[in-house]
Amino acid sequence: MLKQKNITRVTAEQAAKIAAADDRTDWARVNSMPQSEVERLADEEDGPLPDDWAETIVFSTAEPKQDVHIRLDAAVLRWFKAEGPGYQTRINEVLAAFIASRSKAERHRG
């Protein structure tokens, strides 16, 4: 395994071994379970899905990111950085969520 900063690279075979070693799922039981039982257990554990759950799905367009220079308040940057690596991605996600929220509100008004 080659490790560089926070990225660990493994082969497909190594990933399968890691997943298998950590997997405590009784797959024979899962595969033999009827869908109605799966849904009942999911509802019991997480609660039923709201009727409009499908309306909340957001599909990523995977548009390429662009390099930009942006000036942020020091407190804003400090907060995102304090959450750990990936702060730029988190800032992008917050901005994307804001746009989605505004777009949805505008569609409902119009």
C-alpha atoms as a PDB file:
ATOM      1  CA  MET A   1       0.000   0.000   0.000  1.00  0.00           C
ATOM      2  CA  LEU A   2       1.296   3.432  -0.932  1.00  0.00           C
ATOM      3  CA  LYS A   3       0.311   6.277   1.387  1.00  0.00           C
ATOM      4  CA  GLN A   4       0.677   9.913   0.437  1.00  0.00           C
ATOM      5  CA  LYS A   5      -0.674  12.559   2.837  1.00  0.00           C
ATOM      6  CA  ASN A   6      -4.329  11.619   3.472  1.00  0.00           C
ATOM      7  CA  ILE A   7      -4.690   9.493   0.354  1.00  0.00           C
ATOM      8  CA  THR A   8      -4.205   5.753   0.564  1.00  0.00           C
ATOM      9  CA  ARG A   9      -3.949   3.813  -2.657  1.00  0.00           C
ATOM     10  CA  VAL A  10      -4.821   0.134  -2.745  1.00  0.00           C
ATOM     11  CA  THR A  11      -5.399  -2.393  -5.472  1.00  0.00           C
ATOM     12  CA  ALA A  12      -8.855  -3.829  -6.093  1.00  0.00           C
ATOM     13  CA  GLU A  13      -7.728  -7.059  -4.458  1.00  0.00           C
ATOM     14  CA  GLN A  14      -6.488  -5.216  -1.348  1.00  0.00           C
ATOM     15  CA  ALA A  15      -9.763  -3.260  -1.144  1.00  0.00           C
ATOM     16  CA  ALA A  16     -11.769  -6.500  -1.362  1.00  0.00           C
ATOM     17  CA  LYS A  17      -9.710  -8.037   1.461  1.00  0.00           C
ATOM     18  CA  ILE A  18     -10.165  -4.947   3.640  1.00  0.00           C
ATOM     19  CA  ALA A  19     -13.918  -4.914   2.999  1.00  0.00           C
ATOM     20  CA  ALA A  20     -14.251  -8.652   3.629  1.00  0.00           C
ATOM     21  CA  ALA A  21     -12.285  -8.478   6.882  1.00  0.00           C
ATOM     22  CA  ASP A  22     -14.470  -5.665   8.197  1.00  0.00           C
ATOM     23  CA  ASP A  23     -17.805  -7.063   6.934  1.00  0.00           C
ATOM     24  CA  ARG A  24     -19.986  -8.593   9.646  1.00  0.00           C
ATOM     25  CA  THR A  25     -23.133  -8.702   7.515  1.00  0.00           C
ATOM     26  CA  ASP A  26     -25.005 -12.001   7.291  1.00  0.00           C
ATOM     27  CA  TRP A  27     -25.382 -11.849   3.487  1.00  0.00           C
ATOM     28  CA  ALA A  28     -27.185 -15.202   3.266  1.00  0.00           C
ATOM     29  CA  ARG A  29     -29.895 -13.817   5.577  1.00  0.00           C
ATOM     30  CA  VAL A  30     -30.026 -10.520   3.670  1.00  0.00           C
ATOM     31  CA  ASN A  31     -30.310 -12.217   0.282  1.00  0.00           C
ATOM     32  CA  SER A  32     -33.098 -14.519   1.488  1.00  0.00           C
ATOM     33  CA  MET A  33     -35.116 -11.678   3.038  1.00  0.00           C
ATOM     34  CA  PRO A  34     -38.202 -10.475   1.122  1.00  0.00           C
ATOM     35  CA  GLN A  35     -38.225  -6.813   0.085  1.00  0.00           C
ATOM     36  CA  SER A  36     -41.175  -6.088   2.388  1.00  0.00           C
ATOM     37  CA  GLU A  37     -39.100  -7.228   5.376  1.00  0.00           C
ATOM     38  CA  VAL A  38     -36.156  -5.084   4.274  1.00  0.00           C
ATOM     39  CA  GLU A  39     -38.461  -2.060   4.067  1.00  0.00           C
ATOM     40  CA  ARG A  40     -40.056  -2.856   7.454  1.00  0.00           C
ATOM     41  CA  LEU A  41     -36.651  -3.084   9.126  1.00  0.00           C
ATOM     42  CA  ALA A  42     -35.491   0.141   7.462  1.00  0.00           C
ATOM     43  CA  ASP A  43     -38.643   1.931   8.646  1.00  0.00           C
ATOM     44  CA  GLU A  44     -38.119   0.524  12.142  1.00  0.00           C
ATOM     45  CA  GLU A  45     -34.504   1.663  12.248  1.00  0.00           C
ATOM     46  CA  ASP A  46     -34.639   5.000  10.409  1.00  0.00           C
ATOM     47  CA  GLY A  47     -38.326   5.821  10.258  1.00  0.00           C
ATOM     48  CA  PRO A  48     -40.445   5.815   7.101  1.00  0.00           C
ATOM     49  CA  LEU A  49     -39.409   7.903   4.125  1.00  0.00           C
ATOM     50  CA  PRO A  50     -41.493  11.024   3.568  1.00  0.00           C
ATOM     51  CA  ASP A  51     -43.885  10.793   0.621  1.00  0.00           C
ATOM     52  CA  ASP A  52     -41.934  13.444  -1.297  1.00  0.00           C
ATOM     53  CA  TRP A  53     -38.476  11.932  -0.656  1.00  0.00           C
ATOM     54  CA  ALA A  54     -37.793  11.557  -4.375  1.00  0.00           C
ATOM     55  CA  GLU A  55     -38.178  15.317  -4.823  1.00  0.00           C
ATOM     56  CA  THR A  56     -35.168  15.909  -2.575  1.00  0.00           C
ATOM     57  CA  ILE A  57     -32.661  13.877  -4.592  1.00  0.00           C
ATOM     58  CA  VAL A  58     -29.854  15.989  -6.023  1.00  0.00           C
ATOM     59  CA  PHE A  59     -27.890  14.584  -8.928  1.00  0.00           C
ATOM     60  CA  SER A  60     -24.392  15.894  -9.405  1.00  0.00           C
ATOM     61  CA  THR A  61     -23.541  17.190 -12.838  1.00  0.00           C
ATOM     62  CA  ALA A  62     -19.840  16.561 -12.177  1.00  0.00           C
ATOM     63  CA  GLU A  63     -19.001  19.783 -13.955  1.00  0.00           C
ATOM     64  CA  PRO A  64     -15.241  20.438 -13.844  1.00  0.00           C
ATOM     65  CA  LYS A  65     -14.110  22.849 -11.153  1.00  0.00           C
ATOM     66  CA  GLN A  66     -12.397  26.102 -12.040  1.00  0.00           C
ATOM     67  CA  ASP A  67      -9.511  27.754 -10.246  1.00  0.00           C
ATOM     68  CA  VAL A  68     -10.541  31.118  -8.817  1.00  0.00           C
ATOM     69  CA  HIS A  69      -9.243  33.584  -6.278  1.00  0.00           C
ATOM     70  CA  ILE A  70     -11.857  34.431  -3.662  1.00  0.00           C
ATOM     71  CA  ARG A  71     -11.575  36.688  -0.643  1.00  0.00           C
ATOM     72  CA  LEU A  72     -13.295  35.275   2.446  1.00  0.00           C
ATOM     73  CA  ASP A  73     -13.703  36.621   5.948  1.00  0.00           C
ATOM     74  CA  ALA A  74     -10.925  35.243   8.158  1.00  0.00           C
ATOM     75  CA  ALA A  75     -13.500  33.764  10.580  1.00  0.00           C
ATOM     76  CA  VAL A  76     -15.267  31.927   7.748  1.00  0.00           C
ATOM     77  CA  LEU A  77     -12.019  30.439   6.459  1.00  0.00           C
ATOM     78  CA  ARG A  78     -10.886  29.526   9.986  1.00  0.00           C
ATOM     79  CA  TRP A  79     -14.164  27.677  10.622  1.00  0.00           C
ATOM     80  CA  PHE A  80     -13.983  25.624   7.416  1.00  0.00           C
ATOM     81  CA  LYS A  81     -10.290  24.827   7.928  1.00  0.00           C
ATOM     82  CA  ALA A  82     -10.939  23.774  11.546  1.00  0.00           C
ATOM     83  CA  GLU A  83     -13.205  21.009  10.213  1.00  0.00           C
ATOM     84  CA  GLY A  84     -10.115  19.371   8.677  1.00  0.00           C
ATOM     85  CA  PRO A  85      -8.838  18.591   5.191  1.00  0.00           C
ATOM     86  CA  GLY A  86     -11.201  19.245   2.304  1.00  0.00           C
ATOM     87  CA  TYR A  87     -12.255  22.725   3.411  1.00  0.00           C
ATOM     88  CA  GLN A  88     -12.380  24.011  -0.182  1.00  0.00           C
ATOM     89  CA  THR A  89     -14.705  21.159  -1.155  1.00  0.00           C
ATOM     90  CA  ARG A  90     -16.930  21.947   1.833  1.00  0.00           C
ATOM     91  CA  ILE A  91     -17.064  25.633   0.895  1.00  0.00           C
ATOM     92  CA  ASN A  92     -18.053  24.586  -2.632  1.00  0.00           C
ATOM     93  CA  GLU A  93     -20.765  22.245  -1.263  1.00  0.00           C
ATOM     94  CA  VAL A  94     -22.227  25.007   0.919  1.00  0.00           C
ATOM     95  CA  LEU A  95     -22.342  27.393  -2.045  1.00  0.00           C
ATOM     96  CA  ALA A  96     -23.898  24.711  -4.283  1.00  0.00           C
ATOM     97  CA  ALA A  97     -26.550  23.970  -1.617  1.00  0.00           C
ATOM     98  CA  PHE A  98     -27.318  27.683  -1.356  1.00  0.00           C
ATOM     99  CA  ILE A  99     -27.786  27.926  -5.128  1.00  0.00           C
ATOM    100  CA  ALA A 100     -30.017  24.826  -5.159  1.00  0.00           C
ATOM    101  CA  SER A 101     -32.119  26.264  -2.328  1.00  0.00           C
ATOM    102  CA  ARG A 102     -32.497  29.622  -4.042  1.00  0.00           C
ATOM    103  CA  SER A 103     -33.314  27.977  -7.386  1.00  0.00           C
ATOM    104  CA  LYS A 104     -35.980  25.809  -5.753  1.00  0.00           C
ATOM    105  CA  ALA A 105     -37.512  28.845  -4.012  1.00  0.00           C
ATOM    106  CA  GLU A 106     -37.562  30.783  -7.279  1.00  0.00           C
ATOM    107  CA  ARG A 107     -39.290  27.901  -9.109  1.00  0.00           C
ATOM    108  CA  HIS A 108     -41.992  27.782  -6.414  1.00  0.00           C
ATOM    109  CA  ARG A 109     -42.545  31.544  -6.660  1.00  0.00           C
ATOM    110  CA  GLY A 110     -42.664  31.545 -10.457  1.00  0.00           C
END
